[in-house]
C-alpha atoms as a PDB file:
ATOM      1  CA  UNK A   1      -3.322  12.351 -16.199  1.00  0.00           C
ATOM      2  CA  UNK A   2      -0.740  10.613 -14.808  1.00  0.00           C
ATOM      3  CA  UNK A   3       1.920  13.023 -16.413  1.00  0.00           C
ATOM      4  CA  UNK A   4      -0.050  16.346 -15.294  1.00  0.00           C
ATOM      5  CA  UNK A   5       1.903  18.535 -12.967  1.00  0.00           C
ATOM      6  CA  UNK A   6       0.859  21.912 -11.762  1.00  0.00           C
ATOM      7  CA  UNK A   7       2.778  23.377  -9.335  1.00  0.00           C
ATOM      8  CA  UNK A   8       1.131  25.458  -6.650  1.00  0.00           C
ATOM      9  CA  UNK A   9       2.294  28.289  -4.599  1.00  0.00           C
ATOM     10  CA  UNK A  10      -0.015  29.357  -2.473  1.00  0.00           C
ATOM     11  CA  UNK A  11       1.194  32.984  -0.438  1.00  0.00           C
ATOM     12  CA  UNK A  12       0.051  33.933   2.998  1.00  0.00           C
ATOM     13  CA  UNK A  13      -2.392  37.054   3.348  1.00  0.00           C
ATOM     14  CA  UNK A  14       0.146  39.322   3.854  1.00  0.00           C
ATOM     15  CA  UNK A  15       1.821  38.289   0.600  1.00  0.00           C
ATOM     16  CA  UNK A  16      -0.979  39.026  -1.115  1.00  0.00           C
ATOM     17  CA  UNK A  17      -1.871  42.243   0.730  1.00  0.00           C
ATOM     18  CA  UNK A  18       1.957  43.453  -0.194  1.00  0.00           C
ATOM     19  CA  UNK A  19       2.188  42.818  -3.447  1.00  0.00           C
ATOM     20  CA  UNK A  20      -1.530  44.503  -4.336  1.00  0.00           C
ATOM     21  CA  UNK A  21      -0.257  47.834  -2.657  1.00  0.00           C
ATOM     22  CA  UNK A  22       3.003  47.812  -4.078  1.00  0.00           C
ATOM     23  CA  UNK A  23       1.579  47.374  -7.914  1.00  0.00           C
ATOM     24  CA  UNK A  24      -0.660  50.330  -6.881  1.00  0.00           C
ATOM     25  CA  UNK A  25      -3.754  50.045  -9.322  1.00  0.00           C
ATOM     26  CA  UNK A  26      -5.925  48.202  -6.229  1.00  0.00           C
ATOM     27  CA  UNK A  27      -7.377  49.462  -2.844  1.00  0.00           C
ATOM     28  CA  UNK A  28      -8.287  46.171  -0.481  1.00  0.00           C
ATOM     29  CA  UNK A  29     -11.558  47.117   1.082  1.00  0.00           C
ATOM     30  CA  UNK A  30     -11.449  43.480   2.654  1.00  0.00           C
ATOM     31  CA  UNK A  31      -8.832  40.429   2.149  1.00  0.00           C
ATOM     32  CA  UNK A  32     -10.610  36.838   3.505  1.00  0.00           C
ATOM     33  CA  UNK A  33      -8.512  33.617   3.641  1.00  0.00           C
ATOM     34  CA  UNK A  34     -10.441  30.485   3.696  1.00  0.00           C
ATOM     35  CA  UNK A  35      -8.813  27.561   5.306  1.00  0.00           C
ATOM     36  CA  UNK A  36      -9.439  24.225   4.115  1.00  0.00           C
ATOM     37  CA  UNK A  37      -9.448  21.579   6.703  1.00  0.00           C
ATOM     38  CA  UNK A  38      -7.788  18.487   5.298  1.00  0.00           C
ATOM     39  CA  UNK A  39      -7.877  16.398   8.148  1.00  0.00           C
ATOM     40  CA  UNK A  40      -9.960  13.234   7.455  1.00  0.00           C
ATOM     41  CA  UNK A  41     -11.098  12.739  11.345  1.00  0.00           C
ATOM     42  CA  UNK A  42     -13.467  15.145  13.497  1.00  0.00           C
ATOM     43  CA  UNK A  43     -11.852  16.670  16.729  1.00  0.00           C
ATOM     44  CA  UNK A  44     -13.317  13.724  18.856  1.00  0.00           C
ATOM     45  CA  UNK A  45     -11.992  11.166  16.599  1.00  0.00           C
ATOM     46  CA  UNK A  46      -8.486  12.735  17.037  1.00  0.00           C
ATOM     47  CA  UNK A  47      -8.635  12.132  20.762  1.00  0.00           C
ATOM     48  CA  UNK A  48      -9.548   8.662  20.634  1.00  0.00           C
ATOM     49  CA  UNK A  49      -7.333   8.004  17.752  1.00  0.00           C
ATOM     50  CA  UNK A  50      -3.652   8.010  17.775  1.00  0.00           C
ATOM     51  CA  UNK A  51      -3.057   6.339  14.527  1.00  0.00           C
ATOM     52  CA  UNK A  52      -0.403   8.085  12.490  1.00  0.00           C
ATOM     53  CA  UNK A  53      -0.049   4.922   9.712  1.00  0.00           C
ATOM     54  CA  UNK A  54       0.336   6.038   6.403  1.00  0.00           C
ATOM     55  CA  UNK A  55      -3.294   5.499   5.351  1.00  0.00           C
ATOM     56  CA  UNK A  56      -4.228   8.514   7.571  1.00  0.00           C
ATOM     57  CA  UNK A  57      -1.713  10.840   5.739  1.00  0.00           C
ATOM     58  CA  UNK A  58      -2.418   9.315   2.329  1.00  0.00           C
ATOM     59  CA  UNK A  59      -6.122  10.500   3.178  1.00  0.00           C
ATOM     60  CA  UNK A  60      -4.924  13.944   4.078  1.00  0.00           C
ATOM     61  CA  UNK A  61      -3.317  14.116   0.518  1.00  0.00           C
ATOM     62  CA  UNK A  62      -6.706  13.076  -1.062  1.00  0.00           C
ATOM     63  CA  UNK A  63      -8.263  15.742   0.648  1.00  0.00           C
ATOM     64  CA  UNK A  64      -6.247  18.127  -0.449  1.00  0.00           C
ATOM     65  CA  UNK A  65      -6.059  17.143  -4.133  1.00  0.00           C
ATOM     66  CA  UNK A  66     -10.121  16.830  -4.368  1.00  0.00           C
ATOM     67  CA  UNK A  67      -9.992  20.652  -3.020  1.00  0.00           C
ATOM     68  CA  UNK A  68      -7.746  21.756  -5.601  1.00  0.00           C
ATOM     69  CA  UNK A  69      -9.441  19.583  -8.237  1.00  0.00           C
ATOM     70  CA  UNK A  70     -12.615  21.396  -7.185  1.00  0.00           C
ATOM     71  CA  UNK A  71     -11.291  24.877  -7.688  1.00  0.00           C
ATOM     72  CA  UNK A  72      -9.281  24.648 -10.595  1.00  0.00           C
ATOM     73  CA  UNK A  73     -11.380  21.800 -12.932  1.00  0.00           C
ATOM     74  CA  UNK A  74     -13.467  23.929 -14.673  1.00  0.00           C
ATOM     75  CA  UNK A  75     -10.914  26.300 -15.586  1.00  0.00           C
ATOM     76  CA  UNK A  76      -8.771  23.439 -16.777  1.00  0.00           C
ATOM     77  CA  UNK A  77     -11.212  21.414 -18.423  1.00  0.00           C
ATOM     78  CA  UNK A  78     -11.432  21.573 -22.064  1.00  0.00           C
ATOM     79  CA  UNK A  79     -14.414  21.791 -23.985  1.00  0.00           C
ATOM     80  CA  UNK A  80     -15.366  19.639 -27.207  1.00  0.00           C
END
């Protein structure tokens, strides 16, 4: 697990649409983007807490990693 590295590239909505149109096999009826809020503080806490310490950014990283894990864990898990 410590040596696992999965580089991810997340294209913007316009880039995805351009590639689909250019390829030509599909027609886009609806294209939705889901935003992951990685901020560990609520909006009210942000106004009261101006702490920009390392632990704040570490928590943001943990939130992003957990979101990616939630989406990819079942794809990558190996069934024995």
